[in-house]
C-alpha atoms as a PDB file:
ATOM      1  CA  MET A   1       0.000   0.000   0.000  1.00  0.00           C
ATOM      2  CA  LYS A   2       1.315   3.426  -0.964  1.00  0.00           C
ATOM      3  CA  VAL A   3       1.824   5.857   1.928  1.00  0.00           C
ATOM      4  CA  GLU A   4       1.594   9.579   1.300  1.00  0.00           C
ATOM      5  CA  PHE A   5       4.262  11.639   3.092  1.00  0.00           C
ATOM      6  CA  LEU A   6       3.268  15.212   3.947  1.00  0.00           C
ATOM      7  CA  GLU A   7       5.503  17.966   5.358  1.00  0.00           C
ATOM      8  CA  PRO A   8       3.454  20.903   6.684  1.00  0.00           C
ATOM      9  CA  ALA A   9       5.114  24.247   7.413  1.00  0.00           C
ATOM     10  CA  THR A  10       3.267  25.032  10.670  1.00  0.00           C
ATOM     11  CA  LEU A  11       1.696  23.122  13.543  1.00  0.00           C
ATOM     12  CA  ALA A  12      -1.720  24.530  12.649  1.00  0.00           C
ATOM     13  CA  GLU A  13      -1.304  23.223   9.098  1.00  0.00           C
ATOM     14  CA  ALA A  14      -0.251  19.840  10.473  1.00  0.00           C
ATOM     15  CA  ALA A  15      -3.351  19.760  12.677  1.00  0.00           C
ATOM     16  CA  ALA A  16      -5.554  20.640   9.702  1.00  0.00           C
ATOM     17  CA  LEU A  17      -4.024  17.789   7.688  1.00  0.00           C
ATOM     18  CA  LEU A  18      -4.584  15.456  10.609  1.00  0.00           C
ATOM     19  CA  ALA A  19      -8.240  16.494  10.762  1.00  0.00           C
ATOM     20  CA  ALA A  20      -8.652  16.074   7.001  1.00  0.00           C
ATOM     21  CA  HIS A  21      -7.165  12.578   6.829  1.00  0.00           C
ATOM     22  CA  GLY A  22      -8.638  11.274  10.090  1.00  0.00           C
ATOM     23  CA  GLU A  23      -7.717   7.827  11.354  1.00  0.00           C
ATOM     24  CA  GLY A  24      -5.720   7.101   8.207  1.00  0.00           C
ATOM     25  CA  ALA A  25      -3.038   9.601   9.228  1.00  0.00           C
ATOM     26  CA  LYS A  26      -0.144   9.301  11.666  1.00  0.00           C
ATOM     27  CA  VAL A  27       2.022  12.144  12.955  1.00  0.00           C
ATOM     28  CA  VAL A  28       5.795  11.642  12.792  1.00  0.00           C
ATOM     29  CA  ALA A  29       8.179  13.641  14.991  1.00  0.00           C
ATOM     30  CA  GLY A  30      11.487  11.850  15.671  1.00  0.00           C
ATOM     31  CA  GLY A  31      10.039   8.681  14.191  1.00  0.00           C
ATOM     32  CA  THR A  32      11.444   6.202  16.710  1.00  0.00           C
ATOM     33  CA  ALA A  33       8.090   4.777  17.833  1.00  0.00           C
ATOM     34  CA  VAL A  34       6.353   5.081  14.459  1.00  0.00           C
ATOM     35  CA  THR A  35       9.178   3.264  12.671  1.00  0.00           C
ATOM     36  CA  LEU A  36       8.984   0.339  15.091  1.00  0.00           C
ATOM     37  CA  MET A  37       5.210   0.127  14.779  1.00  0.00           C
ATOM     38  CA  LEU A  38       5.450   0.179  10.986  1.00  0.00           C
ATOM     39  CA  GLN A  39       8.087  -2.540  10.999  1.00  0.00           C
ATOM     40  CA  GLN A  40       5.973  -4.713  13.290  1.00  0.00           C
ATOM     41  CA  ARG A  41       2.852  -3.961  11.215  1.00  0.00           C
ATOM     42  CA  LEU A  42       1.016  -2.624  14.229  1.00  0.00           C
ATOM     43  CA  ILE A  43      -0.130   0.374  12.198  1.00  0.00           C
ATOM     44  CA  ALA A  44      -0.835   0.860   8.492  1.00  0.00           C
ATOM     45  CA  PRO A  45      -1.429   4.589   7.910  1.00  0.00           C
ATOM     46  CA  ARG A  46      -2.319   5.938   4.498  1.00  0.00           C
ATOM     47  CA  VAL A  47      -0.692   9.282   5.338  1.00  0.00           C
ATOM     48  CA  LEU A  48       2.371  10.222   7.379  1.00  0.00           C
ATOM     49  CA  ILE A  49       2.424  13.840   8.545  1.00  0.00           C
ATOM     50  CA  SER A  50       6.010  14.819   9.340  1.00  0.00           C
ATOM     51  CA  LEU A  51       6.704  17.676  11.750  1.00  0.00           C
ATOM     52  CA  GLY A  52      10.391  17.732  10.882  1.00  0.00           C
ATOM     53  CA  ARG A  53      10.338  20.857   8.704  1.00  0.00           C
ATOM     54  CA  ILE A  54       8.259  23.011  11.056  1.00  0.00           C
ATOM     55  CA  PRO A  55      10.477  25.807  12.423  1.00  0.00           C
ATOM     56  CA  GLY A  56      10.523  27.038  16.003  1.00  0.00           C
ATOM     57  CA  CYS A  57       9.512  23.772  17.696  1.00  0.00           C
ATOM     58  CA  ASP A  58      12.957  22.757  18.944  1.00  0.00           C
ATOM     59  CA  PHE A  59      13.775  24.883  21.987  1.00  0.00           C
ATOM     60  CA  ILE A  60      14.657  24.873  25.676  1.00  0.00           C
ATOM     61  CA  ARG A  61      13.723  28.118  27.418  1.00  0.00           C
ATOM     62  CA  ARG A  62      13.624  29.231  31.029  1.00  0.00           C
ATOM     63  CA  GLU A  63      10.675  31.600  31.457  1.00  0.00           C
ATOM     64  CA  ALA A  64       8.909  33.210  34.400  1.00  0.00           C
ATOM     65  CA  ASP A  65       6.492  30.294  34.782  1.00  0.00           C
ATOM     66  CA  GLY A  66       9.091  27.562  34.455  1.00  0.00           C
ATOM     67  CA  LEU A  67      10.973  25.546  31.854  1.00  0.00           C
ATOM     68  CA  HIS A  68       9.541  25.379  28.324  1.00  0.00           C
ATOM     69  CA  LEU A  69      10.505  22.517  26.004  1.00  0.00           C
ATOM     70  CA  GLY A  70       9.469  22.475  22.357  1.00  0.00           C
ATOM     71  CA  ALA A  71       7.803  19.345  21.025  1.00  0.00           C
ATOM     72  CA  LEU A  72      10.610  18.676  18.531  1.00  0.00           C
ATOM     73  CA  THR A  73      13.393  19.027  21.105  1.00  0.00           C
ATOM     74  CA  ARG A  74      15.478  15.855  21.132  1.00  0.00           C
ATOM     75  CA  LEU A  75      15.695  13.898  24.356  1.00  0.00           C
ATOM     76  CA  ARG A  76      19.470  14.074  24.130  1.00  0.00           C
ATOM     77  CA  SER A  77      19.278  17.868  24.034  1.00  0.00           C
ATOM     78  CA  VAL A  78      17.247  17.902  27.251  1.00  0.00           C
ATOM     79  CA  GLU A  79      19.624  15.443  28.894  1.00  0.00           C
ATOM     80  CA  SER A  80      22.737  17.484  28.089  1.00  0.00           C
ATOM     81  CA  SER A  81      21.295  21.002  28.495  1.00  0.00           C
ATOM     82  CA  THR A  82      22.997  23.118  31.154  1.00  0.00           C
ATOM     83  CA  ALA A  83      19.748  25.088  31.500  1.00  0.00           C
ATOM     84  CA  VAL A  84      17.803  21.910  32.287  1.00  0.00           C
ATOM     85  CA  ARG A  85      20.438  20.710  34.737  1.00  0.00           C
ATOM     86  CA  ALA A  86      20.390  24.054  36.518  1.00  0.00           C
ATOM     87  CA  PHE A  87      16.585  23.943  36.611  1.00  0.00           C
ATOM     88  CA  SER A  88      16.386  20.334  37.854  1.00  0.00           C
ATOM     89  CA  PRO A  89      19.145  17.719  37.659  1.00  0.00           C
ATOM     90  CA  ALA A  90      16.500  15.038  38.165  1.00  0.00           C
ATOM     91  CA  LEU A  91      14.706  16.167  35.010  1.00  0.00           C
ATOM     92  CA  ALA A  92      17.880  15.934  32.916  1.00  0.00           C
ATOM     93  CA  GLN A  93      18.522  12.506  34.401  1.00  0.00           C
ATOM     94  CA  ALA A  94      15.019  11.202  33.619  1.00  0.00           C
ATOM     95  CA  PHE A  95      15.457  12.085  29.951  1.00  0.00           C
ATOM     96  CA  GLY A  96      18.998  10.716  30.028  1.00  0.00           C
ATOM     97  CA  VAL A  97      17.997   7.149  30.929  1.00  0.00           C
ATOM     98  CA  VAL A  98      15.605   6.651  28.003  1.00  0.00           C
ATOM     99  CA  GLY A  99      16.846   3.763  25.860  1.00  0.00           C
ATOM    100  CA  ASN A 100      20.347   4.479  24.614  1.00  0.00           C
ATOM    101  CA  VAL A 101      22.088   7.516  23.180  1.00  0.00           C
ATOM    102  CA  ARG A 102      21.109   6.607  19.603  1.00  0.00           C
ATOM    103  CA  VAL A 103      17.440   6.630  20.586  1.00  0.00           C
ATOM    104  CA  ARG A 104      17.797   9.870  22.548  1.00  0.00           C
ATOM    105  CA  ASN A 105      19.474  11.594  19.601  1.00  0.00           C
ATOM    106  CA  GLN A 106      16.396  10.860  17.471  1.00  0.00           C
ATOM    107  CA  ALA A 107      13.394  10.777  19.814  1.00  0.00           C
ATOM    108  CA  THR A 108      11.577  14.016  20.660  1.00  0.00           C
ATOM    109  CA  VAL A 109       9.869  15.397  23.750  1.00  0.00           C
ATOM    110  CA  GLY A 110       6.518  15.646  21.967  1.00  0.00           C
ATOM    111  CA  GLY A 111       6.741  12.188  20.483  1.00  0.00           C
ATOM    112  CA  ASN A 112       7.666  10.648  23.821  1.00  0.00           C
ATOM    113  CA  LEU A 113       4.603  12.113  25.512  1.00  0.00           C
ATOM    114  CA  ALA A 114       2.089  11.857  22.677  1.00  0.00           C
ATOM    115  CA  GLU A 115       2.799   8.155  22.194  1.00  0.00           C
ATOM    116  CA  ALA A 116       1.649   7.533  25.798  1.00  0.00           C
ATOM    117  CA  ASP A 117       3.774   4.405  26.061  1.00  0.00           C
ATOM    118  CA  TYR A 118       3.327   3.201  29.640  1.00  0.00           C
ATOM    119  CA  ALA A 119       6.928   1.916  29.759  1.00  0.00           C
ATOM    120  CA  SER A 120       8.566   5.331  29.418  1.00  0.00           C
ATOM    121  CA  ASP A 121      10.760   7.245  31.839  1.00  0.00           C
ATOM    122  CA  PRO A 122      10.005  11.005  31.671  1.00  0.00           C
ATOM    123  CA  PRO A 123       6.208  10.937  32.301  1.00  0.00           C
ATOM    124  CA  ALA A 124       6.456   9.876  35.964  1.00  0.00           C
ATOM    125  CA  LEU A 125       8.789  12.715  36.904  1.00  0.00           C
ATOM    126  CA  LEU A 126       6.885  15.213  34.779  1.00  0.00           C
ATOM    127  CA  LEU A 127       3.687  14.237  36.576  1.00  0.00           C
ATOM    128  CA  ALA A 128       5.391  14.727  39.957  1.00  0.00           C
ATOM    129  CA  LEU A 129       6.619  18.141  38.771  1.00  0.00           C
ATOM    130  CA  ASP A 130       3.043  19.213  37.885  1.00  0.00           C
ATOM    131  CA  ALA A 131       3.986  19.685  34.230  1.00  0.00           C
ATOM    132  CA  ARG A 132       1.473  20.685  31.593  1.00  0.00           C
ATOM    133  CA  VAL A 133       1.365  20.571  27.796  1.00  0.00           C
ATOM    134  CA  THR A 134       0.182  22.869  25.050  1.00  0.00           C
ATOM    135  CA  ALA A 135      -1.840  21.285  22.235  1.00  0.00           C
ATOM    136  CA  VAL A 136      -2.381  22.998  18.885  1.00  0.00           C
ATOM    137  CA  GLY A 137      -5.433  22.441  16.688  1.00  0.00           C
ATOM    138  CA  PRO A 138      -6.284  23.870  13.238  1.00  0.00           C
ATOM    139  CA  ALA A 139      -7.747  27.052  14.745  1.00  0.00           C
ATOM    140  CA  GLU A 140      -6.657  27.348  18.383  1.00  0.00           C
ATOM    141  CA  SER A 141      -4.426  26.002  21.122  1.00  0.00           C
ATOM    142  CA  ARG A 142      -5.053  24.933  24.691  1.00  0.00           C
ATOM    143  CA  GLN A 143      -3.114  23.822  27.765  1.00  0.00           C
ATOM    144  CA  MET A 144      -3.804  20.832  29.969  1.00  0.00           C
ATOM    145  CA  PRO A 145      -2.043  19.402  33.038  1.00  0.00           C
ATOM    146  CA  LEU A 146      -0.209  16.157  32.486  1.00  0.00           C
ATOM    147  CA  SER A 147      -2.456  14.638  35.169  1.00  0.00           C
ATOM    148  CA  GLU A 148      -5.292  14.886  32.620  1.00  0.00           C
ATOM    149  CA  PHE A 149      -3.230  14.092  29.521  1.00  0.00           C
ATOM    150  CA  PHE A 150      -2.610  10.340  29.838  1.00  0.00           C
ATOM    151  CA  LEU A 151      -5.872   8.402  29.564  1.00  0.00           C
ATOM    152  CA  GLY A 152      -4.737   4.793  29.078  1.00  0.00           C
ATOM    153  CA  PHE A 153      -2.541   2.498  27.003  1.00  0.00           C
ATOM    154  CA  PHE A 154      -1.191   4.632  24.117  1.00  0.00           C
ATOM    155  CA  THR A 155      -4.122   7.014  24.614  1.00  0.00           C
ATOM    156  CA  THR A 156      -4.036  10.715  25.443  1.00  0.00           C
ATOM    157  CA  ALA A 157      -6.502  13.565  25.810  1.00  0.00           C
ATOM    158  CA  LEU A 158      -5.371  15.066  22.487  1.00  0.00           C
ATOM    159  CA  ALA A 159      -8.333  15.611  20.185  1.00  0.00           C
ATOM    160  CA  PRO A 160      -8.174  13.883  16.768  1.00  0.00           C
ATOM    161  CA  ASP A 161      -7.046  17.162  15.172  1.00  0.00           C
ATOM    162  CA  GLU A 162      -4.592  18.276  17.877  1.00  0.00           C
ATOM    163  CA  ILE A 163      -0.802  18.052  18.023  1.00  0.00           C
ATOM    164  CA  LEU A 164       1.335  18.425  21.126  1.00  0.00           C
ATOM    165  CA  ALA A 165       3.369  21.609  20.741  1.00  0.00           C
ATOM    166  CA  GLU A 166       5.109  22.335  24.031  1.00  0.00           C
ATOM    167  CA  LEU A 167       5.872  20.987  27.483  1.00  0.00           C
ATOM    168  CA  ILE A 168       5.929  23.389  30.451  1.00  0.00           C
ATOM    169  CA  VAL A 169       7.500  22.398  33.764  1.00  0.00           C
ATOM    170  CA  PRO A 170       6.819  24.792  36.676  1.00  0.00           C
ATOM    171  CA  SER A 171       9.755  25.894  38.798  1.00  0.00           C
ATOM    172  CA  LEU A 172      10.256  24.128  42.101  1.00  0.00           C
ATOM    173  CA  PRO A 173      10.544  26.131  45.329  1.00  0.00           C
ATOM    174  CA  VAL A 174      14.140  26.625  46.415  1.00  0.00           C
ATOM    175  CA  SER A 175      13.657  24.218  49.335  1.00  0.00           C
ATOM    176  CA  ALA A 176      12.207  21.434  47.147  1.00  0.00           C
ATOM    177  CA  ARG A 177      14.159  18.445  45.890  1.00  0.00           C
ATOM    178  CA  ALA A 178      13.294  15.920  43.185  1.00  0.00           C
ATOM    179  CA  ALA A 179      14.504  12.446  42.292  1.00  0.00           C
ATOM    180  CA  TYR A 180      13.761   9.871  39.610  1.00  0.00           C
ATOM    181  CA  LEU A 181      14.727   6.208  39.867  1.00  0.00           C
ATOM    182  CA  LYS A 182      14.332   3.637  37.127  1.00  0.00           C
ATOM    183  CA  TYR A 183      14.428  -0.113  37.536  1.00  0.00           C
ATOM    184  CA  ALA A 184      15.020  -2.179  34.385  1.00  0.00           C
ATOM    185  CA  SER A 185      14.603  -5.900  34.932  1.00  0.00           C
ATOM    186  CA  ARG A 186      16.350  -7.105  31.784  1.00  0.00           C
ATOM    187  CA  SER A 187      19.132  -4.724  30.689  1.00  0.00           C
ATOM    188  CA  ALA A 188      20.342  -1.225  31.476  1.00  0.00           C
ATOM    189  CA  GLU A 189      19.063   0.065  28.106  1.00  0.00           C
ATOM    190  CA  ASP A 190      15.662  -1.578  28.435  1.00  0.00           C
ATOM    191  CA  ARG A 191      12.476   0.303  29.097  1.00  0.00           C
ATOM    192  CA  PRO A 192      11.635   0.480  32.796  1.00  0.00           C
ATOM    193  CA  CYS A 193       9.876  -2.237  34.730  1.00  0.00           C
ATOM    194  CA  VAL A 194       9.166   0.442  37.348  1.00  0.00           C
ATOM    195  CA  GLY A 195       9.892   4.168  37.389  1.00  0.00           C
ATOM    196  CA  VAL A 196       9.359   6.300  40.489  1.00  0.00           C
ATOM    197  CA  ALA A 197       9.598  10.072  40.858  1.00  0.00           C
ATOM    198  CA  ALA A 198       9.551  11.955  44.144  1.00  0.00           C
ATOM    199  CA  VAL A 199       9.416  15.658  45.010  1.00  0.00           C
ATOM    200  CA  VAL A 200       9.967  16.740  48.615  1.00  0.00           C
ATOM    201  CA  GLU A 201       9.706  20.257  50.022  1.00  0.00           C
ATOM    202  CA  VAL A 202      10.455  20.919  53.685  1.00  0.00           C
ATOM    203  CA  ASP A 203      10.284  23.993  55.930  1.00  0.00           C
ATOM    204  CA  ASP A 204      13.077  25.487  58.045  1.00  0.00           C
ATOM    205  CA  VAL A 205      12.633  22.926  60.830  1.00  0.00           C
ATOM    206  CA  GLY A 206      12.419  19.913  58.548  1.00  0.00           C
ATOM    207  CA  ARG A 207       8.645  19.445  58.373  1.00  0.00           C
ATOM    208  CA  CYS A 208       7.230  18.438  55.020  1.00  0.00           C
ATOM    209  CA  ARG A 209       5.402  21.231  53.189  1.00  0.00           C
ATOM    210  CA  ASP A 210       4.755  19.250  50.033  1.00  0.00           C
ATOM    211  CA  LEU A 211       5.315  15.695  48.888  1.00  0.00           C
ATOM    212  CA  ARG A 212       4.615  14.242  45.464  1.00  0.00           C
ATOM    213  CA  VAL A 213       5.221  10.675  44.378  1.00  0.00           C
ATOM    214  CA  ALA A 214       4.479   9.387  40.880  1.00  0.00           C
ATOM    215  CA  VAL A 215       4.816   5.780  39.755  1.00  0.00           C
ATOM    216  CA  GLY A 216       5.170   4.927  36.081  1.00  0.00           C
ATOM    217  CA  ALA A 217       5.890   1.921  33.845  1.00  0.00           C
ATOM    218  CA  ALA A 218       4.386  -0.526  36.351  1.00  0.00           C
ATOM    219  CA  VAL A 219       0.868   0.805  35.744  1.00  0.00           C
ATOM    220  CA  GLU A 220      -1.231   1.750  32.722  1.00  0.00           C
ATOM    221  CA  THR A 221      -0.617   5.479  33.169  1.00  0.00           C
ATOM    222  CA  PRO A 222       1.729   7.299  35.579  1.00  0.00           C
ATOM    223  CA  GLN A 223      -0.112   7.767  38.851  1.00  0.00           C
ATOM    224  CA  ARG A 224       0.002   9.803  42.048  1.00  0.00           C
ATOM    225  CA  LEU A 225      -1.978   9.064  45.200  1.00  0.00           C
ATOM    226  CA  GLY A 226      -2.967  12.339  46.813  1.00  0.00           C
ATOM    227  CA  ARG A 227      -4.334  10.777  49.995  1.00  0.00           C
ATOM    228  CA  VAL A 228      -1.017   8.989  50.556  1.00  0.00           C
ATOM    229  CA  GLU A 229       1.078  12.060  49.746  1.00  0.00           C
ATOM    230  CA  ALA A 230      -0.978  13.939  52.370  1.00  0.00           C
ATOM    231  CA  LEU A 231       0.319  11.625  55.096  1.00  0.00           C
ATOM    232  CA  ALA A 232       3.610  13.563  55.032  1.00  0.00           C
ATOM    233  CA  HIS A 233       2.196  17.086  55.212  1.00  0.00           C
ATOM    234  CA  GLY A 234       3.385  18.823  58.367  1.00  0.00           C
ATOM    235  CA  GLU A 235       5.399  15.773  59.410  1.00  0.00           C
ATOM    236  CA  THR A 236       9.098  15.009  59.549  1.00  0.00           C
ATOM    237  CA  LEU A 237       9.903  12.646  56.708  1.00  0.00           C
ATOM    238  CA  THR A 238      11.456   9.858  58.738  1.00  0.00           C
ATOM    239  CA  ASP A 239      12.464   6.467  57.364  1.00  0.00           C
ATOM    240  CA  GLU A 240       9.415   5.025  59.130  1.00  0.00           C
ATOM    241  CA  LEU A 241       7.026   7.461  57.442  1.00  0.00           C
ATOM    242  CA  ILE A 242       8.691   6.844  54.090  1.00  0.00           C
ATOM    243  CA  ALA A 243       8.204   3.098  54.576  1.00  0.00           C
ATOM    244  CA  THR A 244       4.518   3.670  55.339  1.00  0.00           C
ATOM    245  CA  ILE A 245       4.072   5.741  52.177  1.00  0.00           C
ATOM    246  CA  ALA A 246       5.878   3.107  50.094  1.00  0.00           C
ATOM    247  CA  ASP A 247       3.670   0.366  51.545  1.00  0.00           C
ATOM    248  CA  GLU A 248       0.540   2.374  50.732  1.00  0.00           C
ATOM    249  CA  TYR A 249       1.620   2.896  47.120  1.00  0.00           C
ATOM    250  CA  ALA A 250       2.372  -0.801  46.733  1.00  0.00           C
ATOM    251  CA  ARG A 251      -0.986  -1.706  48.243  1.00  0.00           C
ATOM    252  CA  ALA A 252      -3.133   0.788  46.350  1.00  0.00           C
ATOM    253  CA  LEU A 253      -1.780   0.588  42.786  1.00  0.00           C
ATOM    254  CA  ASP A 254      -2.799  -2.099  40.318  1.00  0.00           C
ATOM    255  CA  PRO A 255       0.409  -3.199  38.558  1.00  0.00           C
ATOM    256  CA  LEU A 256       0.637  -4.730  35.097  1.00  0.00           C
ATOM    257  CA  SER A 257       2.097  -8.058  34.057  1.00  0.00           C
ATOM    258  CA  ASP A 258       4.276  -8.238  30.961  1.00  0.00           C
ATOM    259  CA  ALA A 259       7.687  -9.502  29.829  1.00  0.00           C
ATOM    260  CA  ARG A 260       9.433  -7.118  32.251  1.00  0.00           C
ATOM    261  CA  GLY A 261       7.719  -8.436  35.356  1.00  0.00           C
ATOM    262  CA  SER A 262       4.591  -9.897  36.862  1.00  0.00           C
ATOM    263  CA  ALA A 263       2.067  -7.825  38.785  1.00  0.00           C
ATOM    264  CA  TRP A 264       3.316  -9.357  42.049  1.00  0.00           C
ATOM    265  CA  TYR A 265       6.938  -8.560  41.216  1.00  0.00           C
ATOM    266  CA  ARG A 266       6.123  -5.015  40.177  1.00  0.00           C
ATOM    267  CA  ARG A 267       4.191  -4.447  43.388  1.00  0.00           C
ATOM    268  CA  GLU A 268       7.281  -5.364  45.386  1.00  0.00           C
ATOM    269  CA  MET A 269       9.466  -3.119  43.228  1.00  0.00           C
ATOM    270  CA  ILE A 270       7.035  -0.212  43.690  1.00  0.00           C
ATOM    271  CA  ARG A 271       7.491  -0.589  47.449  1.00  0.00           C
ATOM    272  CA  VAL A 272      11.284  -0.668  47.131  1.00  0.00           C
ATOM    273  CA  PHE A 273      11.655   2.198  44.668  1.00  0.00           C
ATOM    274  CA  VAL A 274       9.139   4.561  46.260  1.00  0.00           C
ATOM    275  CA  ARG A 275      11.171   4.209  49.446  1.00  0.00           C
ATOM    276  CA  ARG A 276      14.472   4.799  47.640  1.00  0.00           C
ATOM    277  CA  ALA A 277      13.209   7.767  45.612  1.00  0.00           C
ATOM    278  CA  LEU A 278      11.788   9.472  48.703  1.00  0.00           C
ATOM    279  CA  ARG A 279      15.031   9.016  50.606  1.00  0.00           C
ATOM    280  CA  GLU A 280      17.025  10.412  47.697  1.00  0.00           C
ATOM    281  CA  ALA A 281      14.779  13.466  47.381  1.00  0.00           C
ATOM    282  CA  ARG A 282      14.731  14.019  51.138  1.00  0.00           C
ATOM    283  CA  ASP A 283      18.482  13.832  51.456  1.00  0.00           C
ATOM    284  CA  GLY A 284      19.252  16.702  49.158  1.00  0.00           C
ATOM    285  CA  HIS A 285      19.133  15.986  45.450  1.00  0.00           C
ATOM    286  CA  ARG A 286      17.356  18.575  43.356  1.00  0.00           C
END
């Protein structure tokens, strides 16, 4: 079957093409995921809409409301950016453990998020950082928090005629620290079996002002448990309290079973890595 390859000049034009061709079209950014799906015959689009020639979509900017990353920014660029490392070393690290350097040199921020692959590293930390995305349609754009973006396996809240344009990560308070830990059960370059992100903010006497924990890869979409996070508010984040929070996450989440680990195994790893991520964030990493 012949596949038509289109190269729009703007995101709005790309969105209009997507609307016109409907389910027969597939958007291509870096192409890492789409190429694999084509090779494995998981998709058979009639039209490929490439974003590669659209200018102004590859950027890393520090603005008043936080860090802005363009949809076509390569993961490797985020990993190695001094601006990102100054903003949050944990964020640079989360992008830096995706696959291998060849993948990171090709894959894009927008593609990574829009694919909604459950076994991906950045989404868990981005959820813990209260990130949001900008989506562009043929006529207008809108923003949505990442907590509302991921709907299920390879499914997002993007409308059929919308394209992810930008990721915005709010600045952390000076006293806050973040950490991301990945556990790969098969090889160091493999996608995660479990990924856990933690953000901890404490006051001058060591009491917890804010705590955020997001678990990814082990569940259908990255998840936070607000009622469990609230256990730490106003408390000193002791090893005992951390263990309680880790136990609650392991108990409350509904892990997946796949080639990287059974549901039982993942539940145990959630307990272990929530505890480790919280300790790392508490003890001073940013």
